[in-house]
Protein backbone atom coordinates (compact mmCIF):
# COMPACT_ATOMS: atom_id res chain seq x y z
CA MET A 1 0.67 -3.04 13.68
CA ILE A 2 1.74 -6.26 12.05
CA SER A 3 -1.10 -8.29 13.81
CA ASP A 4 -3.91 -6.04 11.86
CA ALA A 5 -2.03 -6.93 8.46
CA PRO A 6 -4.29 -9.72 7.35
CA ALA A 7 -7.49 -7.87 8.20
CA PHE A 8 -6.18 -4.77 6.47
CA LEU A 9 -4.92 -6.76 3.45
CA GLY A 10 -8.49 -8.31 3.08
CA GLN A 11 -10.18 -5.07 3.17
CA PHE A 12 -7.74 -3.47 0.75
CA ALA A 13 -8.62 -6.28 -1.54
CA ARG A 14 -12.49 -5.89 -1.14
CA HIS A 15 -12.46 -2.03 -1.27
CA PRO A 16 -9.02 -0.88 -2.65
CA LEU A 17 -10.15 2.78 -3.32
CA ALA A 18 -12.01 3.04 0.02
CA THR A 19 -8.85 1.47 2.10
CA GLY A 20 -6.08 2.97 0.18
CA ALA A 21 -3.28 1.01 1.58
CA VAL A 22 -2.10 -2.36 1.88
CA LEU A 23 -0.80 -2.32 5.46
CA PRO A 24 -1.75 -0.27 8.44
CA SER A 25 0.60 2.82 9.34
CA GLY A 26 3.46 2.45 11.73
CA SER A 27 3.91 3.84 15.34
CA ALA A 28 6.46 6.50 13.98
CA LEU A 29 4.14 7.90 11.48
CA ALA A 30 1.34 7.84 14.31
CA ARG A 31 3.53 9.94 16.52
CA ASP A 32 4.07 12.46 13.90
CA ILE A 33 0.51 12.75 12.75
CA THR A 34 -0.85 13.16 16.48
CA ALA A 35 1.80 15.76 17.45
CA ALA A 36 -0.81 18.53 17.25
CA ILE A 37 -2.90 16.97 19.90
CA PRO A 38 -2.61 19.23 23.12
CA ARG A 39 -1.10 17.65 26.23
CA THR A 40 -3.60 19.80 28.27
CA GLY A 41 -7.18 20.75 28.42
CA GLN A 42 -10.30 18.91 27.13
CA PRO A 43 -9.74 19.03 23.31
CA LEU A 44 -12.27 17.39 20.80
CA VAL A 45 -10.08 15.11 18.57
CA VAL A 46 -11.86 13.77 15.41
CA GLU A 47 -10.28 11.03 13.51
CA LEU A 48 -10.96 10.36 10.14
CA GLY A 49 -10.51 6.79 8.37
CA PRO A 50 -8.90 5.09 11.47
CA GLY A 51 -9.08 1.85 9.73
CA THR A 52 -7.49 -0.87 12.32
CA GLY A 53 -6.54 1.96 14.63
CA ALA A 54 -2.77 2.49 13.87
CA PHE A 55 -3.36 6.22 14.88
CA THR A 56 -6.17 5.56 17.46
CA ARG A 57 -4.02 4.18 19.99
CA THR A 58 -1.56 6.83 19.90
CA ILE A 59 -4.34 9.48 20.06
CA GLN A 60 -5.74 7.80 23.18
CA GLN A 61 -2.41 7.93 24.71
CA ARG A 62 -1.81 11.59 24.09
CA LEU A 63 -5.18 12.31 25.50
CA ALA A 64 -4.82 10.21 28.54
CA GLY A 65 -8.39 10.34 29.48
CA ARG A 66 -8.93 14.03 28.77
CA GLY A 67 -11.38 15.42 26.17
CA GLN A 68 -13.25 13.47 23.71
CA HIS A 69 -12.00 11.22 20.82
CA LEU A 70 -14.53 10.77 17.80
CA ALA A 71 -13.42 8.13 15.12
CA VAL A 72 -15.38 8.52 11.77
CA GLU A 73 -14.98 5.17 9.91
CA LEU A 74 -17.05 4.11 6.68
CA ASN A 75 -15.84 0.40 6.56
CA PRO A 76 -18.38 -1.75 8.89
CA SER A 77 -15.58 -4.26 9.54
CA PHE A 78 -13.06 -1.63 10.67
CA ALA A 79 -15.65 0.29 12.84
CA ALA A 80 -16.93 -2.83 14.56
CA ALA A 81 -13.34 -3.97 15.42
CA LEU A 82 -12.35 -0.47 16.41
CA SER A 83 -15.27 -0.25 18.94
CA ARG A 84 -14.37 -3.40 20.45
CA ARG A 85 -10.58 -2.72 20.87
CA HIS A 86 -10.92 0.77 21.90
CA PRO A 87 -14.25 1.30 24.07
CA ALA A 88 -13.18 4.80 25.19
CA VAL A 89 -13.49 5.98 21.73
CA ARG A 90 -16.76 7.10 20.22
CA VAL A 91 -16.76 5.25 16.79
CA ILE A 92 -19.36 6.57 14.33
CA ARG A 93 -19.81 4.62 11.09
CA ALA A 94 -20.15 7.39 8.51
CA ASP A 95 -18.83 9.24 5.53
CA ALA A 96 -16.10 11.76 6.58
CA ALA A 97 -17.61 14.16 3.80
CA THR A 98 -20.73 14.57 6.43
CA LEU A 99 -18.50 15.18 9.52
CA ASP A 100 -20.28 18.65 10.07
CA ARG A 101 -23.52 16.59 10.48
CA VAL A 102 -21.97 13.85 12.68
CA LEU A 103 -21.05 16.55 15.15
CA SER A 104 -23.98 18.44 15.00
CA ASP A 105 -26.36 15.49 15.34
CA ARG A 106 -24.33 14.61 18.49
CA HIS A 107 -24.50 18.28 19.81
CA LEU A 108 -20.53 18.34 19.73
CA PRO A 109 -18.57 21.68 19.59
CA ALA A 110 -15.88 22.31 16.80
CA ALA A 111 -12.80 20.17 16.57
CA ASP A 112 -9.70 21.05 18.21
CA VAL A 113 -7.82 18.67 16.07
CA VAL A 114 -8.73 16.44 13.05
CA VAL A 115 -6.45 13.61 12.25
CA SER A 116 -7.08 11.99 8.85
CA GLY A 117 -6.05 8.56 7.86
CA LEU A 118 -8.01 8.76 4.72
CA PRO A 119 -6.36 7.71 1.24
CA TRP A 120 -6.39 11.32 -0.30
CA ALA A 121 -4.54 10.21 -3.36
CA ALA A 122 -7.12 7.54 -4.13
CA PHE A 123 -9.72 10.08 -4.17
CA GLY A 124 -11.32 11.94 -7.28
CA ALA A 125 -11.32 15.80 -7.22
CA GLY A 126 -14.87 16.02 -5.97
CA ARG A 127 -14.35 13.65 -3.26
CA GLN A 128 -11.13 15.55 -2.08
CA LEU A 129 -12.91 18.71 -1.96
CA ALA A 130 -16.10 17.46 -0.28
CA VAL A 131 -14.27 15.65 2.57
CA LEU A 132 -11.84 18.79 3.08
CA ASP A 133 -14.76 21.25 3.11
CA ALA A 134 -16.46 18.96 5.92
CA VAL A 135 -13.32 19.29 7.90
CA LEU A 136 -12.98 22.94 7.52
CA ARG A 137 -16.63 23.45 8.57
CA THR A 138 -16.13 21.48 11.62
CA LEU A 139 -12.61 22.75 12.57
CA ARG A 140 -12.07 25.70 15.06
CA PRO A 141 -10.36 28.79 13.71
CA SER A 142 -7.35 27.94 16.08
CA GLY A 143 -7.65 24.13 15.24
CA ALA A 144 -5.11 21.77 13.32
CA PHE A 145 -5.60 19.36 10.71
CA THR A 146 -3.17 16.53 9.99
CA THR A 147 -3.08 13.91 7.23
CA PHE A 148 -0.29 12.06 5.64
CA ALA A 149 0.80 11.13 2.07
CA TYR A 150 3.01 8.37 0.74
CA ARG A 151 6.20 9.51 -0.29
CA HIS A 152 6.07 7.52 -3.67
CA ALA A 153 2.76 9.15 -4.72
CA LEU A 154 3.71 12.51 -4.24
CA ALA A 155 4.21 13.32 -7.85
CA THR A 156 0.87 11.94 -8.84
CA ARG A 157 -1.91 14.20 -9.93
CA PRO A 158 -4.36 13.49 -7.21
CA ALA A 159 -1.53 14.06 -4.63
CA ARG A 160 -0.56 17.47 -6.14
CA ARG A 161 -4.10 18.37 -6.45
CA PHE A 162 -4.46 17.67 -2.70
CA ARG A 163 -1.55 19.63 -1.77
CA ARG A 164 -2.85 22.63 -3.54
CA LEU A 165 -6.15 22.27 -1.82
CA LEU A 166 -4.54 22.31 1.46
CA THR A 167 -2.42 25.29 0.76
CA GLY A 168 -5.67 27.30 -0.28
CA ALA A 169 -7.66 26.09 2.70
CA PHE A 170 -4.99 26.86 5.54
CA GLU A 171 -2.73 29.75 6.38
CA GLU A 172 -0.17 27.29 7.56
CA VAL A 173 0.82 24.17 5.70
CA THR A 174 3.99 22.40 7.02
CA VAL A 175 5.35 19.21 5.50
CA GLY A 176 6.89 16.87 8.19
CA ARG A 177 9.97 14.79 7.84
CA THR A 178 9.74 11.50 5.76
CA VAL A 179 9.04 8.44 7.82
CA TRP A 180 11.30 6.02 6.08
CA SER A 181 10.47 3.33 8.43
CA ASN A 182 6.84 3.32 7.56
CA VAL A 183 5.68 0.90 4.89
CA PRO A 184 5.59 2.60 2.34
CA PRO A 185 7.41 5.72 3.52
CA ALA A 186 5.25 8.59 4.40
CA LEU A 187 5.21 12.25 5.39
CA VAL A 188 2.70 14.23 7.46
CA TYR A 189 1.05 17.49 6.44
CA HIS A 190 0.57 19.87 9.54
CA CYS A 191 -2.23 22.34 8.45
CA ARG A 192 -3.32 25.38 10.97
CA ARG A 193 -5.56 28.19 10.86
CA PRO A 194 -8.33 27.55 8.35
CA VAL A 195 -8.83 30.35 5.74
CA PRO A 196 -12.36 32.02 6.59
CA ARG A 197 -14.79 31.13 3.75
C-alpha cells in the first residue's frame, strides 16, 4: 500500500525493531498469507502486528462479513489508524505475547487462524518463543498459523532459529513460493496442527 508508505517509514524510524520493515507488505503477499482462512463458517481470525493493515483488508475480503476478526497491534499510531480504517475489525492494543489473555478477557474461543505480520527476524530468542507460545496456547488443534519471512534474511541466525521453532511446534510447516513482487521479496510459512504440549 503505497499511500501508507510515509506513515510506515516514520514508525520504522522511531521503532525499527518493533516495526521491522520499511514498507508495508504488498497485495500478492497478503493473498498468500491469508489463504488458510476458510471461505465458509464463522471462523475466529486473529491478526498479529497488522501495522497499517496490509493484510487486514484481505482478511476482511475473505471473511466477507462472517466470523470475527481480531487485530492485535502494540503500536498506538498503527492501532488508532487501523480502527478508523476498518471499523468491522476489533483492534486491540496489546502485546502479542499476551494473546491468550487477550482472548480470555474477551470470552473468545480458540482461534481458527492466526495471521502474523510480526518481524520475527528482528526478535531475540526469548521474544520469539514467548510470542509463538502465546499463539500455540490460543490456536485450535485443527487451526492454522501463517507468517512470512523476507527472502534476503532467511540465512540470518534469528530467521533460522525461528524456522526451527516452527518445525518443533507444528506437525506440518510448508514454505510458500517467493513473492518476488513484494518489497523486499518474501515467502509465507503455512503451519498446521500444533504439537500438543
